[in-house]
Every structure is written in structure tokens, then in C-alpha cells.
Amino acid sequence: MIHKQIKYYYLLTVSTLLLVTGYVSAHSGPLNKVAIQACGEKQKSQSCQYQDGHNNLYIGSCQYMADDLMCVRNQPIKKVDKEKDNSIQEVGEHKHTHNT
């Protein structure tokens, strides 16, 4: 009986660890690659920026994280309006237009 309980808890623990590991790597994938690419030709502390797939603009500086030089945000995230190339606003900021 005790042997079955140990086996059960072992399988439960292994399953949980596998699920958590998959969840963590799902959140560190593509955006980290873009942040690393943003510093591909730069040195530590140089300014950098990159966009994600949701039109968010990240502005920061190149910093080492583990062995990779990547763009680390040091300013508020800005939203890029694709229809107006030069129109950038901070996330959460309301855009007002005036009709004249």
C-alpha cells in the first residue's frame, strides 16, 4: 500500500514539473529572441528598441542576461499605430483627435 502511494506521488510530482516547465518556456520564447536580435550589432549599454506582435514598442538599453546581450526595457511600453507610421503612444494612454 505504501509503495503504491509513493509511486502515485512520484508520478504526480513529475507531471506537475513537466507542466510548469512547458509553461515557463512558452513565456520566454519569441519575444526574448527579438530582444536579443535588437542588440545583435550593439555593445552593452547602447540604446535599443524592438516591437512585439501586438504593436508594442519596447525601448531600452542592451544588457547581459546570462550569456546573451539583449534589449532590456527602461521606458514605458509604447503602442505603435500601424496606420500612421509615426504615431506612437504609451500603453494605457488615451489618444485624442481634434476635428477642425
PDB file of N, CA and C in Angstrom:
ATOM      1  N   MET A   1       0.812  -1.189   0.000  1.00  0.00           N
ATOM      2  CA  MET A   1       0.000   0.000   0.000  1.00  0.00           C
ATOM      3  C   MET A   1       0.868   1.270   0.000  1.00  0.00           C
ATOM      4  N   ILE A   2       1.862   1.339   0.859  1.00  0.00           N
ATOM      5  CA  ILE A   2       2.753   2.494   0.928  1.00  0.00           C
ATOM      6  C   ILE A   2       3.523   2.644  -0.382  1.00  0.00           C
ATOM      7  N   HIS A   3       3.916   1.529  -0.976  1.00  0.00           N
ATOM      8  CA  HIS A   3       4.641   1.559  -2.248  1.00  0.00           C
ATOM      9  C   HIS A   3       3.779   2.195  -3.350  1.00  0.00           C
ATOM     10  N   LYS A   4       2.486   1.920  -3.375  1.00  0.00           N
ATOM     11  CA  LYS A   4       1.580   2.500  -4.368  1.00  0.00           C
ATOM     12  C   LYS A   4       1.416   3.998  -4.146  1.00  0.00           C
ATOM     13  N   GLN A   5       1.370   4.428  -2.885  1.00  0.00           N
ATOM     14  CA  GLN A   5       1.242   5.856  -2.595  1.00  0.00           C
ATOM     15  C   GLN A   5       2.499   6.617  -3.024  1.00  0.00           C
ATOM     16  N   ILE A   6       3.638   6.053  -2.771  1.00  0.00           N
ATOM     17  CA  ILE A   6       4.896   6.687  -3.189  1.00  0.00           C
ATOM     18  C   ILE A   6       4.941   6.805  -4.704  1.00  0.00           C
ATOM     19  N   LYS A   7       4.554   5.767  -5.397  1.00  0.00           N
ATOM     20  CA  LYS A   7       4.549   5.776  -6.861  1.00  0.00           C
ATOM     21  C   LYS A   7       3.570   6.839  -7.373  1.00  0.00           C
ATOM     22  N   TYR A   8       2.407   6.927  -6.725  1.00  0.00           N
ATOM     23  CA  TYR A   8       1.405   7.918  -7.111  1.00  0.00           C
ATOM     24  C   TYR A   8       1.961   9.340  -6.948  1.00  0.00           C
ATOM     25  N   TYR A   9       2.551   9.643  -5.801  1.00  0.00           N
ATOM     26  CA  TYR A   9       3.098  10.980  -5.558  1.00  0.00           C
ATOM     27  C   TYR A   9       4.278  11.283  -6.469  1.00  0.00           C
ATOM     28  N   TYR A  10       5.050  10.285  -6.793  1.00  0.00           N
ATOM     29  CA  TYR A  10       6.162  10.462  -7.719  1.00  0.00           C
ATOM     30  C   TYR A  10       5.632  10.856  -9.098  1.00  0.00           C
ATOM     31  N   LEU A  11       4.628  10.145  -9.598  1.00  0.00           N
ATOM     32  CA  LEU A  11       4.047  10.462 -10.904  1.00  0.00           C
ATOM     33  C   LEU A  11       3.375  11.833 -10.897  1.00  0.00           C
ATOM     34  N   LEU A  12       2.715  12.158  -9.813  1.00  0.00           N
ATOM     35  CA  LEU A  12       2.082  13.467  -9.696  1.00  0.00           C
ATOM     36  C   LEU A  12       3.124  14.583  -9.725  1.00  0.00           C
ATOM     37  N   THR A  13       4.219  14.405  -9.019  1.00  0.00           N
ATOM     38  CA  THR A  13       5.289  15.400  -8.974  1.00  0.00           C
ATOM     39  C   THR A  13       5.943  15.574 -10.343  1.00  0.00           C
ATOM     40  N   VAL A  14       6.246  14.483 -11.006  1.00  0.00           N
ATOM     41  CA  VAL A  14       6.871  14.547 -12.330  1.00  0.00           C
ATOM     42  C   VAL A  14       5.940  15.235 -13.319  1.00  0.00           C
ATOM     43  N   SER A  15       4.662  14.882 -13.301  1.00  0.00           N
ATOM     44  CA  SER A  15       3.692  15.505 -14.211  1.00  0.00           C
ATOM     45  C   SER A  15       3.595  17.003 -13.969  1.00  0.00           C
ATOM     46  N   THR A  16       3.553  17.406 -12.728  1.00  0.00           N
ATOM     47  CA  THR A  16       3.474  18.826 -12.392  1.00  0.00           C
ATOM     48  C   THR A  16       4.712  19.576 -12.866  1.00  0.00           C
ATOM     49  N   LEU A  17       5.874  19.007 -12.654  1.00  0.00           N
ATOM     50  CA  LEU A  17       7.112  19.651 -13.100  1.00  0.00           C
ATOM     51  C   LEU A  17       7.150  19.801 -14.618  1.00  0.00           C
ATOM     52  N   LEU A  18       6.680  18.806 -15.329  1.00  0.00           N
ATOM     53  CA  LEU A  18       6.648  18.894 -16.793  1.00  0.00           C
ATOM     54  C   LEU A  18       5.704  19.990 -17.257  1.00  0.00           C
ATOM     55  N   LEU A  19       4.556  20.111 -16.626  1.00  0.00           N
ATOM     56  CA  LEU A  19       3.610  21.158 -17.000  1.00  0.00           C
ATOM     57  C   LEU A  19       4.161  22.545 -16.711  1.00  0.00           C
ATOM     58  N   VAL A  20       4.772  22.736 -15.560  1.00  0.00           N
ATOM     59  CA  VAL A  20       5.331  24.035 -15.191  1.00  0.00           C
ATOM     60  C   VAL A  20       6.474  24.403 -16.116  1.00  0.00           C
ATOM     61  N   THR A  21       7.325  23.454 -16.450  1.00  0.00           N
ATOM     62  CA  THR A  21       8.448  23.718 -17.351  1.00  0.00           C
ATOM     63  C   THR A  21       7.947  24.157 -18.720  1.00  0.00           C
ATOM     64  N   GLY A  22       6.921  23.514 -19.228  1.00  0.00           N
ATOM     65  CA  GLY A  22       6.350  23.900 -20.522  1.00  0.00           C
ATOM     66  C   GLY A  22       5.762  25.287 -20.482  1.00  0.00           C
ATOM     67  N   TYR A  23       5.099  25.635 -19.389  1.00  0.00           N
ATOM     68  CA  TYR A  23       4.502  26.954 -19.228  1.00  0.00           C
ATOM     69  C   TYR A  23       5.570  28.038 -19.199  1.00  0.00           C
ATOM     70  N   VAL A  24       6.635  27.822 -18.466  1.00  0.00           N
ATOM     71  CA  VAL A  24       7.706  28.807 -18.353  1.00  0.00           C
ATOM     72  C   VAL A  24       8.375  29.028 -19.692  1.00  0.00           C
ATOM     73  N   SER A  25       8.703  27.977 -20.417  1.00  0.00           N
ATOM     74  CA  SER A  25       9.378  28.171 -21.699  1.00  0.00           C
ATOM     75  C   SER A  25       8.457  28.780 -22.742  1.00  0.00           C
ATOM     76  N   ALA A  26       7.153  28.612 -22.606  1.00  0.00           N
ATOM     77  CA  ALA A  26       6.225  29.237 -23.541  1.00  0.00           C
ATOM     78  C   ALA A  26       6.238  30.751 -23.392  1.00  0.00           C
ATOM     79  N   HIS A  27       6.549  31.252 -22.204  1.00  0.00           N
ATOM     80  CA  HIS A  27       6.547  32.688 -21.971  1.00  0.00           C
ATOM     81  C   HIS A  27       7.913  33.329 -22.163  1.00  0.00           C
ATOM     82  N   SER A  28       8.922  32.579 -22.488  1.00  0.00           N
ATOM     83  CA  SER A  28      10.242  33.186 -22.634  1.00  0.00           C
ATOM     84  C   SER A  28      10.789  33.028 -24.043  1.00  0.00           C
ATOM     85  N   GLY A  29       9.976  32.616 -24.973  1.00  0.00           N
ATOM     86  CA  GLY A  29      10.443  32.288 -26.304  1.00  0.00           C
ATOM     87  C   GLY A  29      10.645  33.435 -27.259  1.00  0.00           C
ATOM     88  N   PRO A  30       9.687  33.680 -28.158  1.00  0.00           N
ATOM     89  CA  PRO A  30       9.885  34.593 -29.290  1.00  0.00           C
ATOM     90  C   PRO A  30      10.269  36.017 -28.914  1.00  0.00           C
ATOM     91  N   LEU A  31       9.664  36.565 -27.870  1.00  0.00           N
ATOM     92  CA  LEU A  31       9.970  37.942 -27.501  1.00  0.00           C
ATOM     93  C   LEU A  31      11.420  38.075 -27.054  1.00  0.00           C
ATOM     94  N   ASN A  32      11.935  37.078 -26.339  1.00  0.00           N
ATOM     95  CA  ASN A  32      13.343  37.113 -25.943  1.00  0.00           C
ATOM     96  C   ASN A  32      14.249  37.062 -27.163  1.00  0.00           C
ATOM     97  N   LYS A  33      13.883  36.302 -28.178  1.00  0.00           N
ATOM     98  CA  LYS A  33      14.697  36.234 -29.400  1.00  0.00           C
ATOM     99  C   LYS A  33      14.744  37.587 -30.085  1.00  0.00           C
ATOM    100  N   VAL A  34      13.620  38.290 -30.117  1.00  0.00           N
ATOM    101  CA  VAL A  34      13.574  39.619 -30.731  1.00  0.00           C
ATOM    102  C   VAL A  34      14.419  40.598 -29.918  1.00  0.00           C
ATOM    103  N   ALA A  35      14.349  40.493 -28.599  1.00  0.00           N
ATOM    104  CA  ALA A  35      15.144  41.373 -27.731  1.00  0.00           C
ATOM    105  C   ALA A  35      16.635  41.115 -27.921  1.00  0.00           C
ATOM    106  N   ILE A  36      17.012  39.882 -28.141  1.00  0.00           N
ATOM    107  CA  ILE A  36      18.426  39.542 -28.397  1.00  0.00           C
ATOM    108  C   ILE A  36      18.849  40.070 -29.764  1.00  0.00           C
ATOM    109  N   GLN A  37      17.988  39.913 -30.769  1.00  0.00           N
ATOM    110  CA  GLN A  37      18.308  40.399 -32.116  1.00  0.00           C
ATOM    111  C   GLN A  37      18.460  41.918 -32.135  1.00  0.00           C
ATOM    112  N   ALA A  38      17.716  42.624 -31.278  1.00  0.00           N
ATOM    113  CA  ALA A  38      17.795  44.091 -31.238  1.00  0.00           C
ATOM    114  C   ALA A  38      19.184  44.571 -30.826  1.00  0.00           C
ATOM    115  N   CYS A  39      19.949  43.711 -30.162  1.00  0.00           N
ATOM    116  CA  CYS A  39      21.297  44.087 -29.713  1.00  0.00           C
ATOM    117  C   CYS A  39      22.377  43.323 -30.473  1.00  0.00           C
ATOM    118  N   GLY A  40      22.008  42.736 -31.586  1.00  0.00           N
ATOM    119  CA  GLY A  40      22.939  41.910 -32.355  1.00  0.00           C
ATOM    120  C   GLY A  40      24.222  42.605 -32.758  1.00  0.00           C
ATOM    121  N   GLU A  41      24.146  43.857 -33.128  1.00  0.00           N
ATOM    122  CA  GLU A  41      25.317  44.606 -33.595  1.00  0.00           C
ATOM    123  C   GLU A  41      25.711  45.699 -32.606  1.00  0.00           C
ATOM    124  N   LYS A  42      25.256  45.585 -31.368  1.00  0.00           N
ATOM    125  CA  LYS A  42      25.496  46.652 -30.397  1.00  0.00           C
ATOM    126  C   LYS A  42      26.354  46.164 -29.242  1.00  0.00           C
ATOM    127  N   GLN A  43      26.750  47.112 -28.413  1.00  0.00           N
ATOM    128  CA  GLN A  43      27.524  46.807 -27.217  1.00  0.00           C
ATOM    129  C   GLN A  43      26.676  47.092 -25.985  1.00  0.00           C
ATOM    130  N   LYS A  44      27.143  46.594 -24.856  1.00  0.00           N
ATOM    131  CA  LYS A  44      26.426  46.798 -23.601  1.00  0.00           C
ATOM    132  C   LYS A  44      26.180  48.283 -23.352  1.00  0.00           C
ATOM    133  N   SER A  45      24.995  48.610 -22.890  1.00  0.00           N
ATOM    134  CA  SER A  45      24.538  49.956 -22.521  1.00  0.00           C
ATOM    135  C   SER A  45      24.123  50.814 -23.705  1.00  0.00           C
ATOM    136  N   GLN A  46      24.270  50.335 -24.939  1.00  0.00           N
ATOM    137  CA  GLN A  46      23.790  51.109 -26.076  1.00  0.00           C
ATOM    138  C   GLN A  46      22.266  51.060 -26.114  1.00  0.00           C
ATOM    139  N   SER A  47      21.643  52.111 -26.621  1.00  0.00           N
ATOM    140  CA  SER A  47      20.187  52.146 -26.689  1.00  0.00           C
ATOM    141  C   SER A  47      19.686  51.169 -27.753  1.00  0.00           C
ATOM    142  N   CYS A  48      18.470  50.668 -27.534  1.00  0.00           N
ATOM    143  CA  CYS A  48      17.883  49.701 -28.451  1.00  0.00           C
ATOM    144  C   CYS A  48      16.365  49.792 -28.368  1.00  0.00           C
ATOM    145  N   GLN A  49      15.708  49.196 -29.336  1.00  0.00           N
ATOM    146  CA  GLN A  49      14.254  49.108 -29.320  1.00  0.00           C
ATOM    147  C   GLN A  49      13.811  47.968 -30.218  1.00  0.00           C
ATOM    148  N   TYR A  50      12.620  47.449 -29.937  1.00  0.00           N
ATOM    149  CA  TYR A  50      12.040  46.393 -30.759  1.00  0.00           C
ATOM    150  C   TYR A  50      10.538  46.379 -30.547  1.00  0.00           C
ATOM    151  N   GLN A  51       9.827  45.750 -31.487  1.00  0.00           N
ATOM    152  CA  GLN A  51       8.372  45.631 -31.413  1.00  0.00           C
ATOM    153  C   GLN A  51       7.978  44.176 -31.256  1.00  0.00           C
ATOM    154  N   ASP A  52       6.840  43.966 -30.575  1.00  0.00           N
ATOM    155  CA  ASP A  52       6.290  42.621 -30.496  1.00  0.00           C
ATOM    156  C   ASP A  52       5.165  42.480 -31.520  1.00  0.00           C
ATOM    157  N   GLY A  53       4.485  41.381 -31.502  1.00  0.00           N
ATOM    158  CA  GLY A  53       3.412  41.125 -32.464  1.00  0.00           C
ATOM    159  C   GLY A  53       2.120  41.863 -32.173  1.00  0.00           C
ATOM    160  N   HIS A  54       2.084  42.641 -31.094  1.00  0.00           N
ATOM    161  CA  HIS A  54       0.873  43.377 -30.723  1.00  0.00           C
ATOM    162  C   HIS A  54       1.067  44.880 -30.867  1.00  0.00           C
ATOM    163  N   ASN A  55       2.014  45.284 -31.686  1.00  0.00           N
ATOM    164  CA  ASN A  55       2.315  46.698 -31.939  1.00  0.00           C
ATOM    165  C   ASN A  55       2.817  47.445 -30.708  1.00  0.00           C
ATOM    166  N   ASN A  56       3.440  46.726 -29.789  1.00  0.00           N
ATOM    167  CA  ASN A  56       4.061  47.363 -28.626  1.00  0.00           C
ATOM    168  C   ASN A  56       5.522  47.645 -28.938  1.00  0.00           C
ATOM    169  N   LEU A  57       5.964  48.846 -28.625  1.00  0.00           N
ATOM    170  CA  LEU A  57       7.352  49.247 -28.845  1.00  0.00           C
ATOM    171  C   LEU A  57       8.077  49.264 -27.507  1.00  0.00           C
ATOM    172  N   TYR A  58       9.151  48.496 -27.416  1.00  0.00           N
ATOM    173  CA  TYR A  58       9.968  48.415 -26.209  1.00  0.00           C
ATOM    174  C   TYR A  58      11.247  49.202 -26.454  1.00  0.00           C
ATOM    175  N   ILE A  59      11.553  50.147 -25.587  1.00  0.00           N
ATOM    176  CA  ILE A  59      12.740  50.983 -25.714  1.00  0.00           C
ATOM    177  C   ILE A  59      13.589  50.775 -24.464  1.00  0.00           C
ATOM    178  N   GLY A  60      14.872  50.535 -24.671  1.00  0.00           N
ATOM    179  CA  GLY A  60      15.734  50.303 -23.522  1.00  0.00           C
ATOM    180  C   GLY A  60      17.192  50.381 -23.883  1.00  0.00           C
ATOM    181  N   SER A  61      17.984  49.567 -23.207  1.00  0.00           N
ATOM    182  CA  SER A  61      19.411  49.502 -23.489  1.00  0.00           C
ATOM    183  C   SER A  61      19.857  48.041 -23.485  1.00  0.00           C
ATOM    184  N   CYS A  62      20.938  47.778 -24.173  1.00  0.00           N
ATOM    185  CA  CYS A  62      21.458  46.418 -24.281  1.00  0.00           C
ATOM    186  C   CYS A  62      22.153  46.042 -22.969  1.00  0.00           C
ATOM    187  N   GLN A  63      21.731  44.925 -22.391  1.00  0.00           N
ATOM    188  CA  GLN A  63      22.296  44.436 -21.138  1.00  0.00           C
ATOM    189  C   GLN A  63      22.506  42.933 -21.245  1.00  0.00           C
ATOM    190  N   TYR A  64      23.455  42.423 -20.490  1.00  0.00           N
ATOM    191  CA  TYR A  64      23.690  40.977 -20.479  1.00  0.00           C
ATOM    192  C   TYR A  64      22.708  40.305 -19.533  1.00  0.00           C
ATOM    193  N   MET A  65      22.019  39.298 -20.033  1.00  0.00           N
ATOM    194  CA  MET A  65      21.162  38.426 -19.239  1.00  0.00           C
ATOM    195  C   MET A  65      21.694  37.024 -19.482  1.00  0.00           C
ATOM    196  N   ALA A  66      22.287  36.446 -18.461  1.00  0.00           N
ATOM    197  CA  ALA A  66      23.020  35.177 -18.595  1.00  0.00           C
ATOM    198  C   ALA A  66      24.152  35.439 -19.589  1.00  0.00           C
ATOM    199  N   ASP A  67      24.186  34.727 -20.692  1.00  0.00           N
ATOM    200  CA  ASP A  67      25.267  34.900 -21.668  1.00  0.00           C
ATOM    201  C   ASP A  67      24.852  35.730 -22.876  1.00  0.00           C
ATOM    202  N   ASP A  68      23.609  36.200 -22.901  1.00  0.00           N
ATOM    203  CA  ASP A  68      23.089  36.907 -24.073  1.00  0.00           C
ATOM    204  C   ASP A  68      22.995  38.405 -23.826  1.00  0.00           C
ATOM    205  N   LEU A  69      23.380  39.176 -24.826  1.00  0.00           N
ATOM    206  CA  LEU A  69      23.186  40.614 -24.802  1.00  0.00           C
ATOM    207  C   LEU A  69      21.808  40.872 -25.389  1.00  0.00           C
ATOM    208  N   MET A  70      20.918  41.455 -24.597  1.00  0.00           N
ATOM    209  CA  MET A  70      19.554  41.658 -25.074  1.00  0.00           C
ATOM    210  C   MET A  70      19.035  43.027 -24.666  1.00  0.00           C
ATOM    211  N   CYS A  71      18.021  43.482 -25.387  1.00  0.00           N
ATOM    212  CA  CYS A  71      17.420  44.786 -25.137  1.00  0.00           C
ATOM    213  C   CYS A  71      16.518  44.685 -23.907  1.00  0.00           C
ATOM    214  N   VAL A  72      16.854  45.446 -22.870  1.00  0.00           N
ATOM    215  CA  VAL A  72      16.094  45.458 -21.628  1.00  0.00           C
ATOM    216  C   VAL A  72      15.371  46.795 -21.537  1.00  0.00           C
ATOM    217  N   ARG A  73      14.057  46.743 -21.427  1.00  0.00           N
ATOM    218  CA  ARG A  73      13.229  47.947 -21.419  1.00  0.00           C
ATOM    219  C   ARG A  73      13.527  48.802 -20.200  1.00  0.00           C
ATOM    220  N   ASN A  74      13.693  50.117 -20.448  1.00  0.00           N
ATOM    221  CA  ASN A  74      13.886  51.054 -19.341  1.00  0.00           C
ATOM    222  C   ASN A  74      12.967  52.262 -19.476  1.00  0.00           C
ATOM    223  N   GLN A  75      11.982  52.147 -20.373  1.00  0.00           N
ATOM    224  CA  GLN A  75      10.983  53.187 -20.578  1.00  0.00           C
ATOM    225  C   GLN A  75       9.609  52.525 -20.651  1.00  0.00           C
ATOM    226  N   PRO A  76       8.542  53.300 -20.486  1.00  0.00           N
ATOM    227  CA  PRO A  76       7.207  52.703 -20.604  1.00  0.00           C
ATOM    228  C   PRO A  76       6.995  52.088 -21.990  1.00  0.00           C
ATOM    229  N   ILE A  77       6.211  51.035 -22.040  1.00  0.00           N
ATOM    230  CA  ILE A  77       5.883  50.406 -23.323  1.00  0.00           C
ATOM    231  C   ILE A  77       5.014  51.383 -24.111  1.00  0.00           C
ATOM    232  N   LYS A  78       5.326  51.526 -25.385  1.00  0.00           N
ATOM    233  CA  LYS A  78       4.560  52.426 -26.249  1.00  0.00           C
ATOM    234  C   LYS A  78       3.793  51.612 -27.271  1.00  0.00           C
ATOM    235  N   LYS A  79       2.651  52.117 -27.686  1.00  0.00           N
ATOM    236  CA  LYS A  79       1.816  51.463 -28.690  1.00  0.00           C
ATOM    237  C   LYS A  79       2.060  52.146 -30.025  1.00  0.00           C
ATOM    238  N   VAL A  80       2.315  51.354 -31.069  1.00  0.00           N
ATOM    239  CA  VAL A  80       2.563  51.892 -32.397  1.00  0.00           C
ATOM    240  C   VAL A  80       1.285  51.743 -33.212  1.00  0.00           C
ATOM    241  N   ASP A  81       0.851  52.820 -33.811  1.00  0.00           N
ATOM    242  CA  ASP A  81      -0.319  52.790 -34.688  1.00  0.00           C
ATOM    243  C   ASP A  81       0.170  52.463 -36.087  1.00  0.00           C
ATOM    244  N   LYS A  82      -0.121  51.251 -36.562  1.00  0.00           N
ATOM    245  CA  LYS A  82       0.368  50.795 -37.873  1.00  0.00           C
ATOM    246  C   LYS A  82      -0.151  51.654 -39.014  1.00  0.00           C
ATOM    247  N   GLU A  83      -1.362  52.213 -38.867  1.00  0.00           N
ATOM    248  CA  GLU A  83      -1.935  53.018 -39.938  1.00  0.00           C
ATOM    249  C   GLU A  83      -1.199  54.344 -40.100  1.00  0.00           C
ATOM    250  N   LYS A  84      -0.698  54.878 -39.001  1.00  0.00           N
ATOM    251  CA  LYS A  84       0.074  56.121 -39.037  1.00  0.00           C
ATOM    252  C   LYS A  84       1.455  55.773 -38.526  1.00  0.00           C
ATOM    253  N   ASP A  85       2.405  55.589 -39.413  1.00  0.00           N
ATOM    254  CA  ASP A  85       3.730  55.081 -39.064  1.00  0.00           C
ATOM    255  C   ASP A  85       4.399  55.827 -37.924  1.00  0.00           C
ATOM    256  N   ASN A  86       4.206  57.134 -37.835  1.00  0.00           N
ATOM    257  CA  ASN A  86       4.903  57.921 -36.825  1.00  0.00           C
ATOM    258  C   ASN A  86       4.089  58.121 -35.550  1.00  0.00           C
ATOM    259  N   SER A  87       2.931  57.503 -35.471  1.00  0.00           N
ATOM    260  CA  SER A  87       2.065  57.698 -34.322  1.00  0.00           C
ATOM    261  C   SER A  87       2.356  56.661 -33.255  1.00  0.00           C
ATOM    262  N   ILE A  88       2.948  57.106 -32.153  1.00  0.00           N
ATOM    263  CA  ILE A  88       3.310  56.219 -31.052  1.00  0.00           C
ATOM    264  C   ILE A  88       2.718  56.794 -29.771  1.00  0.00           C
ATOM    265  N   GLN A  89       2.104  55.944 -28.965  1.00  0.00           N
ATOM    266  CA  GLN A  89       1.580  56.382 -27.680  1.00  0.00           C
ATOM    267  C   GLN A  89       1.933  55.357 -26.622  1.00  0.00           C
ATOM    268  N   GLU A  90       1.987  55.804 -25.363  1.00  0.00           N
ATOM    269  CA  GLU A  90       2.271  54.888 -24.265  1.00  0.00           C
ATOM    270  C   GLU A  90       1.077  53.987 -24.045  1.00  0.00           C
ATOM    271  N   VAL A  91       1.337  52.732 -23.665  1.00  0.00           N
ATOM    272  CA  VAL A  91       0.257  51.803 -23.388  1.00  0.00           C
ATOM    273  C   VAL A  91      -0.548  52.346 -22.222  1.00  0.00           C
ATOM    274  N   GLY A  92      -1.878  52.369 -22.376  1.00  0.00           N
ATOM    275  CA  GLY A  92      -2.749  52.896 -21.340  1.00  0.00           C
ATOM    276  C   GLY A  92      -3.075  54.366 -21.545  1.00  0.00           C
ATOM    277  N   GLU A  93      -2.365  55.032 -22.436  1.00  0.00           N
ATOM    278  CA  GLU A  93      -2.588  56.445 -22.716  1.00  0.00           C
ATOM    279  C   GLU A  93      -3.725  56.556 -23.733  1.00  0.00           C
ATOM    280  N   HIS A  94      -4.619  57.502 -23.549  1.00  0.00           N
ATOM    281  CA  HIS A  94      -5.724  57.695 -24.475  1.00  0.00           C
ATOM    282  C   HIS A  94      -5.314  58.665 -25.569  1.00  0.00           C
ATOM    283  N   LYS A  95      -5.713  58.354 -26.785  1.00  0.00           N
ATOM    284  CA  LYS A  95      -5.384  59.197 -27.920  1.00  0.00           C
ATOM    285  C   LYS A  95      -6.582  60.096 -28.214  1.00  0.00           C
ATOM    286  N   HIS A  96      -6.363  61.411 -28.286  1.00  0.00           N
ATOM    287  CA  HIS A  96      -7.439  62.351 -28.584  1.00  0.00           C
ATOM    288  C   HIS A  96      -7.188  62.952 -29.953  1.00  0.00           C
ATOM    289  N   THR A  97      -8.243  63.033 -30.723  1.00  0.00           N
ATOM    290  CA  THR A  97      -8.136  63.689 -32.030  1.00  0.00           C
ATOM    291  C   THR A  97      -9.069  64.882 -32.048  1.00  0.00           C
ATOM    292  N   HIS A  98      -8.629  65.916 -32.667  1.00  0.00           N
ATOM    293  CA  HIS A  98      -9.419  67.131 -32.762  1.00  0.00           C
ATOM    294  C   HIS A  98      -9.828  67.328 -34.201  1.00  0.00           C
ATOM    295  N   ASN A  99     -11.091  67.460 -34.447  1.00  0.00           N
ATOM    296  CA  ASN A  99     -11.597  67.697 -35.798  1.00  0.00           C
ATOM    297  C   ASN A  99     -11.720  69.179 -36.011  1.00  0.00           C
ATOM    298  N   THR A 100     -10.991  69.682 -36.991  1.00  0.00           N
ATOM    299  CA  THR A 100     -11.058  71.128 -37.285  1.00  0.00           C
ATOM    300  C   THR A 100     -11.374  71.329 -38.716  1.00  0.00           C
TER     301      THR A 100
END
